[in-house]
């Protein structure tokens, strides 16, 4: 399976093999980051991202095929992210996949980007269904019950900013650079997390939703109250912010695991974490503690497969193809496409 990913600021392609028993293997996985193109703007500029995808995608696909030691005609099908994401970028990847599918006479699988994240743990760790997924990335923060391919139930989501977006905005406020997540984490290591008492929004409520907008505002007010900031001020604010989000994620995960245990009594409890924020060490340590306390198995794919990549798209496509699920060449790209929408079942493009 050839997988193509262009939903945001990574141009990626990969070749993945899925055998008859459902085991997966990554044969090649090429990712070109656009960090340099967007660094001066403090965030992703959609038009620049789309132009970079146009300039690089053909080369990335050729490299992935070459590294796999095959010819393009040897693939069984072509999968591409069809949404959600920045619509310009999604159109570049999906249109390229359609052209290749038509020219080669191969099936097309239009992949939901979130499904790629949701199924990655089955590629890396052969995790059986059902399991609970926590997706924490620049655009999404949600708990999803994964019952099977195309069978998803959203248990909680953010009502405002995604966690990765909050990290980026705090990093920009503190002039730490882009991408924000790694920069805030580095700064927090030198800070005193107890100096600033930041809020933990929604934690008194039983629902599994997140809210990070109020926390972000509290960070801004703290920074403004002591401006100009010294280096130590920046470190302490970063540490306080990271502690707050770690507490929020840990508390919500504990609640989600309780619900999973109640609904699947007697079933092994499996927790999968996906998305770029999963690479944060403090959050990862808190999640390991919470899952161990609940007697759950925690699965976090390698960092390179937590961020956007072509292998996750290829694998999601392979899982769907194995169930006979393909799409027509008139499948429409979608800037928004909830993972629990009605058309996430089989033959969603028919």
C-alpha atoms as a PDB file:
ATOM      1  CA  UNK A   1       0.000   0.000   0.000  1.00  0.00           C
ATOM      2  CA  UNK A   2       1.247   3.484  -0.908  1.00  0.00           C
ATOM      3  CA  UNK A   3       0.194   6.089   1.659  1.00  0.00           C
ATOM      4  CA  UNK A   4       0.203   9.849   1.044  1.00  0.00           C
ATOM      5  CA  UNK A   5      -0.116  12.465   3.797  1.00  0.00           C
ATOM      6  CA  UNK A   6      -0.424  16.233   3.151  1.00  0.00           C
ATOM      7  CA  UNK A   7      -2.976  17.434   5.713  1.00  0.00           C
ATOM      8  CA  UNK A   8      -0.818  20.100   7.371  1.00  0.00           C
ATOM      9  CA  UNK A   9       2.904  20.908   7.245  1.00  0.00           C
ATOM     10  CA  UNK A  10       4.479  17.510   6.565  1.00  0.00           C
ATOM     11  CA  UNK A  11       4.761  16.159   3.041  1.00  0.00           C
ATOM     12  CA  UNK A  12       4.927  12.389   3.467  1.00  0.00           C
ATOM     13  CA  UNK A  13       4.686   9.099   1.612  1.00  0.00           C
ATOM     14  CA  UNK A  14       5.268   5.510   2.691  1.00  0.00           C
ATOM     15  CA  UNK A  15       5.034   1.915   1.546  1.00  0.00           C
ATOM     16  CA  UNK A  16       3.480  -0.469   4.085  1.00  0.00           C
ATOM     17  CA  UNK A  17       2.789  -4.206   3.776  1.00  0.00           C
ATOM     18  CA  UNK A  18      -0.089  -5.982   5.535  1.00  0.00           C
ATOM     19  CA  UNK A  19      -0.058  -9.788   5.422  1.00  0.00           C
ATOM     20  CA  UNK A  20      -3.015 -12.165   5.372  1.00  0.00           C
ATOM     21  CA  UNK A  21      -2.900 -12.527   9.169  1.00  0.00           C
ATOM     22  CA  UNK A  22      -3.170  -8.753   9.657  1.00  0.00           C
ATOM     23  CA  UNK A  23       0.449  -8.122  10.642  1.00  0.00           C
ATOM     24  CA  UNK A  24       2.004  -4.941   9.321  1.00  0.00           C
ATOM     25  CA  UNK A  25       5.466  -3.876   8.231  1.00  0.00           C
ATOM     26  CA  UNK A  26       6.786  -0.468   7.197  1.00  0.00           C
ATOM     27  CA  UNK A  27       8.959  -0.845   4.105  1.00  0.00           C
ATOM     28  CA  UNK A  28       9.670   2.867   3.621  1.00  0.00           C
ATOM     29  CA  UNK A  29       8.511   6.053   5.309  1.00  0.00           C
ATOM     30  CA  UNK A  30       9.633   9.439   3.969  1.00  0.00           C
ATOM     31  CA  UNK A  31       8.628  12.675   5.693  1.00  0.00           C
ATOM     32  CA  UNK A  32       9.634  16.200   4.738  1.00  0.00           C
ATOM     33  CA  UNK A  33       8.876  18.775   7.431  1.00  0.00           C
ATOM     34  CA  UNK A  34       8.059  22.357   6.495  1.00  0.00           C
ATOM     35  CA  UNK A  35       9.326  23.872   9.745  1.00  0.00           C
ATOM     36  CA  UNK A  36      11.804  26.135   7.968  1.00  0.00           C
ATOM     37  CA  UNK A  37       9.133  27.549   5.651  1.00  0.00           C
ATOM     38  CA  UNK A  38       6.834  28.502   8.540  1.00  0.00           C
ATOM     39  CA  UNK A  39       9.296  29.355  11.342  1.00  0.00           C
ATOM     40  CA  UNK A  40       9.337  33.087  10.645  1.00  0.00           C
ATOM     41  CA  UNK A  41       5.541  33.254  10.995  1.00  0.00           C
ATOM     42  CA  UNK A  42       5.277  31.453  14.340  1.00  0.00           C
ATOM     43  CA  UNK A  43       2.825  28.928  12.930  1.00  0.00           C
ATOM     44  CA  UNK A  44       1.640  27.165   9.792  1.00  0.00           C
ATOM     45  CA  UNK A  45       0.627  29.380   6.861  1.00  0.00           C
ATOM     46  CA  UNK A  46      -1.899  27.320   4.829  1.00  0.00           C
ATOM     47  CA  UNK A  47      -1.010  28.792   1.410  1.00  0.00           C
ATOM     48  CA  UNK A  48       2.718  28.208   1.933  1.00  0.00           C
ATOM     49  CA  UNK A  49       2.016  24.662   3.121  1.00  0.00           C
ATOM     50  CA  UNK A  50      -0.019  23.839   0.007  1.00  0.00           C
ATOM     51  CA  UNK A  51       2.664  25.249  -2.295  1.00  0.00           C
ATOM     52  CA  UNK A  52       5.363  23.201  -0.562  1.00  0.00           C
ATOM     53  CA  UNK A  53       3.270  20.036  -0.972  1.00  0.00           C
ATOM     54  CA  UNK A  54       2.945  20.741  -4.708  1.00  0.00           C
ATOM     55  CA  UNK A  55       6.694  21.274  -5.015  1.00  0.00           C
ATOM     56  CA  UNK A  56       7.778  18.200  -3.039  1.00  0.00           C
ATOM     57  CA  UNK A  57       5.123  15.480  -3.137  1.00  0.00           C
ATOM     58  CA  UNK A  58       6.159  13.814  -6.414  1.00  0.00           C
ATOM     59  CA  UNK A  59       9.769  13.615  -5.189  1.00  0.00           C
ATOM     60  CA  UNK A  60       8.704  12.221  -1.801  1.00  0.00           C
ATOM     61  CA  UNK A  61       6.574   9.518  -3.435  1.00  0.00           C
ATOM     62  CA  UNK A  62       9.425   8.581  -5.781  1.00  0.00           C
ATOM     63  CA  UNK A  63      11.816   8.335  -2.837  1.00  0.00           C
ATOM     64  CA  UNK A  64       9.413   6.140  -0.825  1.00  0.00           C
ATOM     65  CA  UNK A  65       8.957   3.779  -3.759  1.00  0.00           C
ATOM     66  CA  UNK A  66      12.715   3.666  -4.436  1.00  0.00           C
ATOM     67  CA  UNK A  67      13.573   2.945  -0.801  1.00  0.00           C
ATOM     68  CA  UNK A  68      11.019   0.137  -0.804  1.00  0.00           C
ATOM     69  CA  UNK A  69      12.832  -1.456  -3.746  1.00  0.00           C
ATOM     70  CA  UNK A  70       9.700  -1.704  -5.890  1.00  0.00           C
ATOM     71  CA  UNK A  71       8.111  -0.050  -8.907  1.00  0.00           C
ATOM     72  CA  UNK A  72       5.063   2.153  -8.453  1.00  0.00           C
ATOM     73  CA  UNK A  73       2.992  -0.301 -10.489  1.00  0.00           C
ATOM     74  CA  UNK A  74       3.722  -3.000  -7.869  1.00  0.00           C
ATOM     75  CA  UNK A  75       1.494  -1.457  -5.174  1.00  0.00           C
ATOM     76  CA  UNK A  76      -1.930  -3.023  -4.644  1.00  0.00           C
ATOM     77  CA  UNK A  77      -3.690   0.245  -3.857  1.00  0.00           C
ATOM     78  CA  UNK A  78      -3.122   3.901  -3.070  1.00  0.00           C
ATOM     79  CA  UNK A  79      -4.259   5.586   0.140  1.00  0.00           C
ATOM     80  CA  UNK A  80      -4.276   9.319   0.791  1.00  0.00           C
ATOM     81  CA  UNK A  81      -5.489  11.593   3.535  1.00  0.00           C
ATOM     82  CA  UNK A  82      -8.812  13.057   2.393  1.00  0.00           C
ATOM     83  CA  UNK A  83      -9.414  15.109   5.556  1.00  0.00           C
ATOM     84  CA  UNK A  84      -9.606  16.607   8.042  1.00  0.00           C
ATOM     85  CA  UNK A  85      -6.878  19.193   7.567  1.00  0.00           C
ATOM     86  CA  UNK A  86      -5.875  22.345   5.715  1.00  0.00           C
ATOM     87  CA  UNK A  87      -7.978  21.977   2.580  1.00  0.00           C
ATOM     88  CA  UNK A  88      -5.263  23.185   0.176  1.00  0.00           C
ATOM     89  CA  UNK A  89      -2.832  20.557   1.383  1.00  0.00           C
ATOM     90  CA  UNK A  90      -5.436  17.804   1.498  1.00  0.00           C
ATOM     91  CA  UNK A  91      -6.378  18.556  -2.123  1.00  0.00           C
ATOM     92  CA  UNK A  92      -2.751  18.220  -3.245  1.00  0.00           C
ATOM     93  CA  UNK A  93      -2.341  14.746  -1.761  1.00  0.00           C
ATOM     94  CA  UNK A  94      -5.785  13.417  -2.643  1.00  0.00           C
ATOM     95  CA  UNK A  95      -5.621  14.702  -6.234  1.00  0.00           C
ATOM     96  CA  UNK A  96      -2.197  13.118  -6.685  1.00  0.00           C
ATOM     97  CA  UNK A  97      -3.508   9.816  -5.332  1.00  0.00           C
ATOM     98  CA  UNK A  98      -6.507   9.932  -7.677  1.00  0.00           C
ATOM     99  CA  UNK A  99      -4.253  10.571 -10.663  1.00  0.00           C
ATOM    100  CA  UNK A 100      -1.973   7.685  -9.755  1.00  0.00           C
ATOM    101  CA  UNK A 101      -4.900   5.348  -9.128  1.00  0.00           C
ATOM    102  CA  UNK A 102      -6.442   6.217 -12.492  1.00  0.00           C
ATOM    103  CA  UNK A 103      -3.176   5.929 -14.407  1.00  0.00           C
ATOM    104  CA  UNK A 104      -2.140   2.644 -12.788  1.00  0.00           C
ATOM    105  CA  UNK A 105      -5.597   1.078 -12.587  1.00  0.00           C
ATOM    106  CA  UNK A 106      -5.281   0.684  -8.806  1.00  0.00           C
ATOM    107  CA  UNK A 107      -7.944   1.080  -6.096  1.00  0.00           C
ATOM    108  CA  UNK A 108      -8.106   4.343  -4.143  1.00  0.00           C
ATOM    109  CA  UNK A 109      -8.695   4.481  -0.391  1.00  0.00           C
ATOM    110  CA  UNK A 110      -9.586   7.936   0.953  1.00  0.00           C
ATOM    111  CA  UNK A 111      -8.336   7.935   4.542  1.00  0.00           C
ATOM    112  CA  UNK A 112      -9.567   9.977   7.472  1.00  0.00           C
ATOM    113  CA  UNK A 113      -6.404  11.462   8.981  1.00  0.00           C
ATOM    114  CA  UNK A 114      -7.673  10.733  12.493  1.00  0.00           C
ATOM    115  CA  UNK A 115      -8.251   7.096  11.596  1.00  0.00           C
ATOM    116  CA  UNK A 116      -4.597   6.925  10.607  1.00  0.00           C
ATOM    117  CA  UNK A 117      -3.652   7.962  14.134  1.00  0.00           C
ATOM    118  CA  UNK A 118      -6.268   5.645  15.649  1.00  0.00           C
ATOM    119  CA  UNK A 119      -4.989   2.524  13.896  1.00  0.00           C
ATOM    120  CA  UNK A 120      -1.220   3.121  14.104  1.00  0.00           C
ATOM    121  CA  UNK A 121      -0.933   1.062  17.304  1.00  0.00           C
ATOM    122  CA  UNK A 122      -2.198  -1.953  15.377  1.00  0.00           C
ATOM    123  CA  UNK A 123       0.696  -1.516  12.942  1.00  0.00           C
ATOM    124  CA  UNK A 124       3.357  -1.039  15.614  1.00  0.00           C
ATOM    125  CA  UNK A 125       2.020  -3.207  18.451  1.00  0.00           C
ATOM    126  CA  UNK A 126      -0.727  -5.390  16.910  1.00  0.00           C
ATOM    127  CA  UNK A 127      -3.209  -4.024  19.480  1.00  0.00           C
ATOM    128  CA  UNK A 128      -6.512  -5.938  19.258  1.00  0.00           C
ATOM    129  CA  UNK A 129      -9.927  -4.273  19.381  1.00  0.00           C
ATOM    130  CA  UNK A 130     -11.454  -2.732  21.421  1.00  0.00           C
ATOM    131  CA  UNK A 131      -9.195  -0.076  22.911  1.00  0.00           C
ATOM    132  CA  UNK A 132      -9.334   3.500  24.107  1.00  0.00           C
ATOM    133  CA  UNK A 133      -7.386   6.167  22.247  1.00  0.00           C
ATOM    134  CA  UNK A 134      -6.260   9.550  23.529  1.00  0.00           C
ATOM    135  CA  UNK A 135      -5.405  11.746  20.548  1.00  0.00           C
ATOM    136  CA  UNK A 136      -3.448  14.862  21.514  1.00  0.00           C
ATOM    137  CA  UNK A 137      -2.081  16.914  18.628  1.00  0.00           C
ATOM    138  CA  UNK A 138      -1.953  20.408  17.215  1.00  0.00           C
ATOM    139  CA  UNK A 139      -5.509  20.198  15.931  1.00  0.00           C
ATOM    140  CA  UNK A 140      -7.202  17.572  18.102  1.00  0.00           C
ATOM    141  CA  UNK A 141      -7.609  16.564  21.744  1.00  0.00           C
ATOM    142  CA  UNK A 142     -10.103  13.765  22.230  1.00  0.00           C
ATOM    143  CA  UNK A 143     -10.870  10.384  23.722  1.00  0.00           C
ATOM    144  CA  UNK A 144     -12.115   7.841  21.177  1.00  0.00           C
ATOM    145  CA  UNK A 145     -13.328   4.306  21.760  1.00  0.00           C
ATOM    146  CA  UNK A 146     -11.957   2.191  18.906  1.00  0.00           C
ATOM    147  CA  UNK A 147     -14.242  -0.814  18.398  1.00  0.00           C
ATOM    148  CA  UNK A 148     -12.947  -1.776  14.957  1.00  0.00           C
ATOM    149  CA  UNK A 149     -11.966  -0.372  11.585  1.00  0.00           C
ATOM    150  CA  UNK A 150     -14.523   2.322  10.814  1.00  0.00           C
ATOM    151  CA  UNK A 151     -16.155   1.903  14.239  1.00  0.00           C
ATOM    152  CA  UNK A 152     -15.391   4.851  16.500  1.00  0.00           C
ATOM    153  CA  UNK A 153     -17.167   6.479  19.420  1.00  0.00           C
ATOM    154  CA  UNK A 154     -15.975   9.856  20.649  1.00  0.00           C
ATOM    155  CA  UNK A 155     -16.115  10.069  24.442  1.00  0.00           C
ATOM    156  CA  UNK A 156     -14.693  13.527  24.904  1.00  0.00           C
ATOM    157  CA  UNK A 157     -13.097  16.367  22.961  1.00  0.00           C
ATOM    158  CA  UNK A 158     -11.803  19.894  23.411  1.00  0.00           C
ATOM    159  CA  UNK A 159     -14.433  22.621  23.519  1.00  0.00           C
ATOM    160  CA  UNK A 160     -11.917  25.252  22.382  1.00  0.00           C
ATOM    161  CA  UNK A 161      -8.167  24.925  21.733  1.00  0.00           C
ATOM    162  CA  UNK A 162      -6.462  21.606  21.085  1.00  0.00           C
ATOM    163  CA  UNK A 163      -3.609  20.821  23.466  1.00  0.00           C
ATOM    164  CA  UNK A 164      -0.945  21.131  20.784  1.00  0.00           C
ATOM    165  CA  UNK A 165      -2.393  24.482  19.758  1.00  0.00           C
ATOM    166  CA  UNK A 166      -2.229  25.643  23.384  1.00  0.00           C
ATOM    167  CA  UNK A 167       1.442  24.638  23.557  1.00  0.00           C
ATOM    168  CA  UNK A 168       2.129  26.587  20.349  1.00  0.00           C
ATOM    169  CA  UNK A 169       0.369  29.715  21.619  1.00  0.00           C
ATOM    170  CA  UNK A 170       2.157  29.637  24.975  1.00  0.00           C
ATOM    171  CA  UNK A 171       5.483  29.182  23.186  1.00  0.00           C
ATOM    172  CA  UNK A 172       4.729  32.169  20.973  1.00  0.00           C
ATOM    173  CA  UNK A 173       3.739  34.259  24.015  1.00  0.00           C
ATOM    174  CA  UNK A 174       7.017  33.374  25.726  1.00  0.00           C
ATOM    175  CA  UNK A 175       9.012  33.867  22.514  1.00  0.00           C
ATOM    176  CA  UNK A 176      10.259  30.274  22.581  1.00  0.00           C
ATOM    177  CA  UNK A 177       9.919  29.548  18.883  1.00  0.00           C
ATOM    178  CA  UNK A 178       8.031  27.041  16.744  1.00  0.00           C
ATOM    179  CA  UNK A 179       6.969  24.255  17.065  1.00  0.00           C
ATOM    180  CA  UNK A 180       5.809  25.120  20.554  1.00  0.00           C
ATOM    181  CA  UNK A 181       5.498  21.720  22.216  1.00  0.00           C
ATOM    182  CA  UNK A 182       9.182  20.751  22.294  1.00  0.00           C
ATOM    183  CA  UNK A 183      10.245  24.323  23.142  1.00  0.00           C
ATOM    184  CA  UNK A 184       7.896  24.618  26.125  1.00  0.00           C
ATOM    185  CA  UNK A 185       9.010  21.204  27.375  1.00  0.00           C
ATOM    186  CA  UNK A 186      12.678  22.209  27.206  1.00  0.00           C
ATOM    187  CA  UNK A 187      12.036  25.508  29.020  1.00  0.00           C
ATOM    188  CA  UNK A 188       9.951  23.771  31.695  1.00  0.00           C
ATOM    189  CA  UNK A 189      12.896  21.582  32.713  1.00  0.00           C
ATOM    190  CA  UNK A 190      14.637  24.665  34.143  1.00  0.00           C
ATOM    191  CA  UNK A 191      11.546  26.086  35.818  1.00  0.00           C
ATOM    192  CA  UNK A 192       9.742  25.950  39.162  1.00  0.00           C
ATOM    193  CA  UNK A 193       6.265  24.501  38.451  1.00  0.00           C
ATOM    194  CA  UNK A 194       4.932  25.669  41.841  1.00  0.00           C
ATOM    195  CA  UNK A 195       5.592  29.383  41.319  1.00  0.00           C
ATOM    196  CA  UNK A 196       2.462  30.006  39.224  1.00  0.00           C
ATOM    197  CA  UNK A 197      -0.901  28.449  40.130  1.00  0.00           C
ATOM    198  CA  UNK A 198      -2.640  28.006  36.810  1.00  0.00           C
ATOM    199  CA  UNK A 199      -6.253  26.753  36.542  1.00  0.00           C
ATOM    200  CA  UNK A 200      -7.362  23.261  35.529  1.00  0.00           C
ATOM    201  CA  UNK A 201     -10.563  24.000  33.523  1.00  0.00           C
ATOM    202  CA  UNK A 202     -13.551  21.606  33.591  1.00  0.00           C
ATOM    203  CA  UNK A 203     -11.986  19.140  36.021  1.00  0.00           C
ATOM    204  CA  UNK A 204     -14.904  19.466  38.440  1.00  0.00           C
ATOM    205  CA  UNK A 205     -17.233  18.210  35.716  1.00  0.00           C
ATOM    206  CA  UNK A 206     -17.747  14.512  35.012  1.00  0.00           C
ATOM    207  CA  UNK A 207     -17.693  14.765  31.210  1.00  0.00           C
ATOM    208  CA  UNK A 208     -14.487  13.777  29.445  1.00  0.00           C
ATOM    209  CA  UNK A 209     -14.081  17.054  27.538  1.00  0.00           C
ATOM    210  CA  UNK A 210     -11.056  19.349  27.604  1.00  0.00           C
ATOM    211  CA  UNK A 211     -10.747  23.131  27.712  1.00  0.00           C
ATOM    212  CA  UNK A 212      -7.425  24.929  27.352  1.00  0.00           C
ATOM    213  CA  UNK A 213      -8.499  28.458  26.399  1.00  0.00           C
ATOM    214  CA  UNK A 214      -8.841  29.676  29.999  1.00  0.00           C
ATOM    215  CA  UNK A 215      -5.480  28.158  30.911  1.00  0.00           C
ATOM    216  CA  UNK A 216      -3.875  29.906  27.954  1.00  0.00           C
ATOM    217  CA  UNK A 217      -5.418  33.218  29.086  1.00  0.00           C
ATOM    218  CA  UNK A 218      -4.121  32.696  32.627  1.00  0.00           C
ATOM    219  CA  UNK A 219      -0.615  32.165  31.245  1.00  0.00           C
ATOM    220  CA  UNK A 220      -0.859  35.387  29.225  1.00  0.00           C
ATOM    221  CA  UNK A 221      -2.044  37.380  32.252  1.00  0.00           C
ATOM    222  CA  UNK A 222       0.784  35.989  34.376  1.00  0.00           C
ATOM    223  CA  UNK A 223       3.350  36.952  31.744  1.00  0.00           C
ATOM    224  CA  UNK A 224       1.905  40.454  31.376  1.00  0.00           C
ATOM    225  CA  UNK A 225       1.906  41.006  35.135  1.00  0.00           C
ATOM    226  CA  UNK A 226       5.697  40.669  35.406  1.00  0.00           C
ATOM    227  CA  UNK A 227       6.834  41.938  32.002  1.00  0.00           C
ATOM    228  CA  UNK A 228       9.566  42.263  30.898  1.00  0.00           C
ATOM    229  CA  UNK A 229      10.231  38.578  31.484  1.00  0.00           C
ATOM    230  CA  UNK A 230      13.575  37.239  32.616  1.00  0.00           C
ATOM    231  CA  UNK A 231      14.744  33.836  31.428  1.00  0.00           C
ATOM    232  CA  UNK A 232      13.779  32.362  34.799  1.00  0.00           C
ATOM    233  CA  UNK A 233      10.293  33.863  34.543  1.00  0.00           C
ATOM    234  CA  UNK A 234       9.877  32.146  31.181  1.00  0.00           C
ATOM    235  CA  UNK A 235      11.083  28.821  32.574  1.00  0.00           C
ATOM    236  CA  UNK A 236       8.756  29.040  35.588  1.00  0.00           C
ATOM    237  CA  UNK A 237       5.707  29.940  33.487  1.00  0.00           C
ATOM    238  CA  UNK A 238       6.458  27.084  31.089  1.00  0.00           C
ATOM    239  CA  UNK A 239       6.841  24.672  34.007  1.00  0.00           C
ATOM    240  CA  UNK A 240       3.585  25.818  35.593  1.00  0.00           C
ATOM    241  CA  UNK A 241       1.714  25.519  32.313  1.00  0.00           C
ATOM    242  CA  UNK A 242       3.101  22.049  31.613  1.00  0.00           C
ATOM    243  CA  UNK A 243       2.171  20.864  35.107  1.00  0.00           C
ATOM    244  CA  UNK A 244      -1.383  22.147  34.632  1.00  0.00           C
ATOM    245  CA  UNK A 245      -1.910  20.355  31.315  1.00  0.00           C
ATOM    246  CA  UNK A 246      -0.308  17.202  32.687  1.00  0.00           C
ATOM    247  CA  UNK A 247      -2.751  17.225  35.615  1.00  0.00           C
ATOM    248  CA  UNK A 248      -5.671  17.796  33.238  1.00  0.00           C
ATOM    249  CA  UNK A 249      -4.696  14.973  30.901  1.00  0.00           C
ATOM    250  CA  UNK A 250      -3.974  12.573  33.774  1.00  0.00           C
ATOM    251  CA  UNK A 251      -7.293  13.276  35.508  1.00  0.00           C
ATOM    252  CA  UNK A 252      -9.335  12.905  32.335  1.00  0.00           C
ATOM    253  CA  UNK A 253      -7.494   9.693  31.417  1.00  0.00           C
ATOM    254  CA  UNK A 254      -8.217   8.233  34.832  1.00  0.00           C
ATOM    255  CA  UNK A 255     -11.929   8.968  34.334  1.00  0.00           C
ATOM    256  CA  UNK A 256     -11.913   7.519  30.811  1.00  0.00           C
ATOM    257  CA  UNK A 257     -10.299   4.298  32.014  1.00  0.00           C
ATOM    258  CA  UNK A 258     -12.940   3.922  34.703  1.00  0.00           C
ATOM    259  CA  UNK A 259     -15.629   4.197  32.015  1.00  0.00           C
ATOM    260  CA  UNK A 260     -13.853   1.712  29.750  1.00  0.00           C
ATOM    261  CA  UNK A 261     -13.555  -0.789  32.604  1.00  0.00           C
ATOM    262  CA  UNK A 262     -17.268  -0.418  33.388  1.00  0.00           C
ATOM    263  CA  UNK A 263     -18.394  -0.860  29.770  1.00  0.00           C
ATOM    264  CA  UNK A 264     -16.020  -3.738  28.965  1.00  0.00           C
ATOM    265  CA  UNK A 265     -16.020  -5.693  32.207  1.00  0.00           C
ATOM    266  CA  UNK A 266     -13.594  -8.597  32.016  1.00  0.00           C
ATOM    267  CA  UNK A 267     -11.885  -7.277  28.870  1.00  0.00           C
ATOM    268  CA  UNK A 268      -8.209  -6.293  29.012  1.00  0.00           C
ATOM    269  CA  UNK A 269      -7.917  -2.510  29.361  1.00  0.00           C
ATOM    270  CA  UNK A 270      -5.835  -1.022  26.555  1.00  0.00           C
ATOM    271  CA  UNK A 271      -4.958   2.641  26.222  1.00  0.00           C
ATOM    272  CA  UNK A 272      -3.374   4.032  23.054  1.00  0.00           C
ATOM    273  CA  UNK A 273      -1.916   7.536  22.916  1.00  0.00           C
ATOM    274  CA  UNK A 274      -1.405   9.201  19.536  1.00  0.00           C
ATOM    275  CA  UNK A 275      -0.484  12.621  18.185  1.00  0.00           C
ATOM    276  CA  UNK A 276       2.586  14.809  18.493  1.00  0.00           C
ATOM    277  CA  UNK A 277       1.929  15.824  22.114  1.00  0.00           C
ATOM    278  CA  UNK A 278       2.360  12.144  23.062  1.00  0.00           C
ATOM    279  CA  UNK A 279       6.106  12.752  22.777  1.00  0.00           C
ATOM    280  CA  UNK A 280       6.058  15.103  25.807  1.00  0.00           C
ATOM    281  CA  UNK A 281       7.940  13.276  28.574  1.00  0.00           C
ATOM    282  CA  UNK A 282       6.027  14.781  31.493  1.00  0.00           C
ATOM    283  CA  UNK A 283       2.669  13.903  29.977  1.00  0.00           C
ATOM    284  CA  UNK A 284       3.932  10.449  29.027  1.00  0.00           C
ATOM    285  CA  UNK A 285       5.139   9.783  32.577  1.00  0.00           C
ATOM    286  CA  UNK A 286       1.788  10.854  34.017  1.00  0.00           C
ATOM    287  CA  UNK A 287      -0.087   8.605  31.600  1.00  0.00           C
ATOM    288  CA  UNK A 288       2.119   5.645  32.492  1.00  0.00           C
ATOM    289  CA  UNK A 289       1.377   6.201  36.183  1.00  0.00           C
ATOM    290  CA  UNK A 290      -2.382   6.475  35.601  1.00  0.00           C
ATOM    291  CA  UNK A 291      -2.585   3.385  33.386  1.00  0.00           C
ATOM    292  CA  UNK A 292      -0.463   1.335  35.777  1.00  0.00           C
ATOM    293  CA  UNK A 293      -2.747   2.377  38.627  1.00  0.00           C
ATOM    294  CA  UNK A 294      -5.768   1.215  36.562  1.00  0.00           C
ATOM    295  CA  UNK A 295      -4.153  -2.064  35.550  1.00  0.00           C
ATOM    296  CA  UNK A 296      -4.240  -0.990  31.914  1.00  0.00           C
ATOM    297  CA  UNK A 297      -1.798  -1.554  29.077  1.00  0.00           C
ATOM    298  CA  UNK A 298      -0.392   1.704  27.701  1.00  0.00           C
ATOM    299  CA  UNK A 299       0.722   1.829  24.068  1.00  0.00           C
ATOM    300  CA  UNK A 300       2.511   4.878  22.661  1.00  0.00           C
ATOM    301  CA  UNK A 301       3.862   4.368  19.118  1.00  0.00           C
ATOM    302  CA  UNK A 302       7.392   5.606  18.359  1.00  0.00           C
ATOM    303  CA  UNK A 303       7.585   9.433  18.182  1.00  0.00           C
ATOM    304  CA  UNK A 304       8.075   9.408  14.400  1.00  0.00           C
ATOM    305  CA  UNK A 305       4.740   7.610  14.031  1.00  0.00           C
ATOM    306  CA  UNK A 306       2.898   9.836  16.525  1.00  0.00           C
ATOM    307  CA  UNK A 307       3.355  12.904  14.348  1.00  0.00           C
ATOM    308  CA  UNK A 308       1.922  13.083  10.819  1.00  0.00           C
ATOM    309  CA  UNK A 309       3.432  10.527   8.431  1.00  0.00           C
ATOM    310  CA  UNK A 310       2.615   8.455   5.386  1.00  0.00           C
ATOM    311  CA  UNK A 311       2.912   5.072   7.107  1.00  0.00           C
ATOM    312  CA  UNK A 312      -0.160   5.664   9.253  1.00  0.00           C
ATOM    313  CA  UNK A 313      -2.164   6.590   6.144  1.00  0.00           C
ATOM    314  CA  UNK A 314      -0.902   3.549   4.239  1.00  0.00           C
ATOM    315  CA  UNK A 315      -1.752   1.285   7.176  1.00  0.00           C
ATOM    316  CA  UNK A 316      -5.274   2.695   7.592  1.00  0.00           C
ATOM    317  CA  UNK A 317      -5.738   2.176   3.869  1.00  0.00           C
ATOM    318  CA  UNK A 318      -4.480  -1.408   4.111  1.00  0.00           C
ATOM    319  CA  UNK A 319      -6.834  -2.166   7.015  1.00  0.00           C
ATOM    320  CA  UNK A 320      -9.768  -0.860   4.986  1.00  0.00           C
ATOM    321  CA  UNK A 321      -8.696  -2.594   1.781  1.00  0.00           C
ATOM    322  CA  UNK A 322      -8.546  -5.906   3.658  1.00  0.00           C
ATOM    323  CA  UNK A 323     -12.248  -5.415   4.410  1.00  0.00           C
ATOM    324  CA  UNK A 324     -13.058  -4.620   0.797  1.00  0.00           C
ATOM    325  CA  UNK A 325     -13.375  -0.887   1.377  1.00  0.00           C
ATOM    326  CA  UNK A 326     -12.314   1.343  -1.531  1.00  0.00           C
ATOM    327  CA  UNK A 327     -13.424   4.743  -2.815  1.00  0.00           C
ATOM    328  CA  UNK A 328     -14.475   6.301  -6.082  1.00  0.00           C
ATOM    329  CA  UNK A 329     -12.258   8.808  -7.826  1.00  0.00           C
ATOM    330  CA  UNK A 330     -14.814  11.568  -7.227  1.00  0.00           C
ATOM    331  CA  UNK A 331     -14.351  11.384  -3.446  1.00  0.00           C
ATOM    332  CA  UNK A 332     -14.414  14.962  -2.123  1.00  0.00           C
ATOM    333  CA  UNK A 333     -11.686  16.350   0.168  1.00  0.00           C
ATOM    334  CA  UNK A 334     -12.961  17.461   3.573  1.00  0.00           C
ATOM    335  CA  UNK A 335     -11.524  20.192   5.801  1.00  0.00           C
ATOM    336  CA  UNK A 336     -13.642  18.730   8.638  1.00  0.00           C
ATOM    337  CA  UNK A 337     -14.348  15.025   9.065  1.00  0.00           C
ATOM    338  CA  UNK A 338     -15.162  13.803  12.600  1.00  0.00           C
ATOM    339  CA  UNK A 339     -13.892  10.323  13.330  1.00  0.00           C
ATOM    340  CA  UNK A 340     -17.267   9.299  14.742  1.00  0.00           C
ATOM    341  CA  UNK A 341     -19.305  10.591  11.780  1.00  0.00           C
ATOM    342  CA  UNK A 342     -21.878   8.285  10.189  1.00  0.00           C
ATOM    343  CA  UNK A 343     -19.865   7.817   6.979  1.00  0.00           C
ATOM    344  CA  UNK A 344     -16.801   6.356   8.732  1.00  0.00           C
ATOM    345  CA  UNK A 345     -18.136   2.832   8.147  1.00  0.00           C
ATOM    346  CA  UNK A 346     -17.195   0.616   5.231  1.00  0.00           C
ATOM    347  CA  UNK A 347     -17.557   1.902   1.648  1.00  0.00           C
ATOM    348  CA  UNK A 348     -17.757   5.484   2.884  1.00  0.00           C
ATOM    349  CA  UNK A 349     -17.002   6.804  -0.603  1.00  0.00           C
ATOM    350  CA  UNK A 350     -19.448   4.644  -2.557  1.00  0.00           C
END
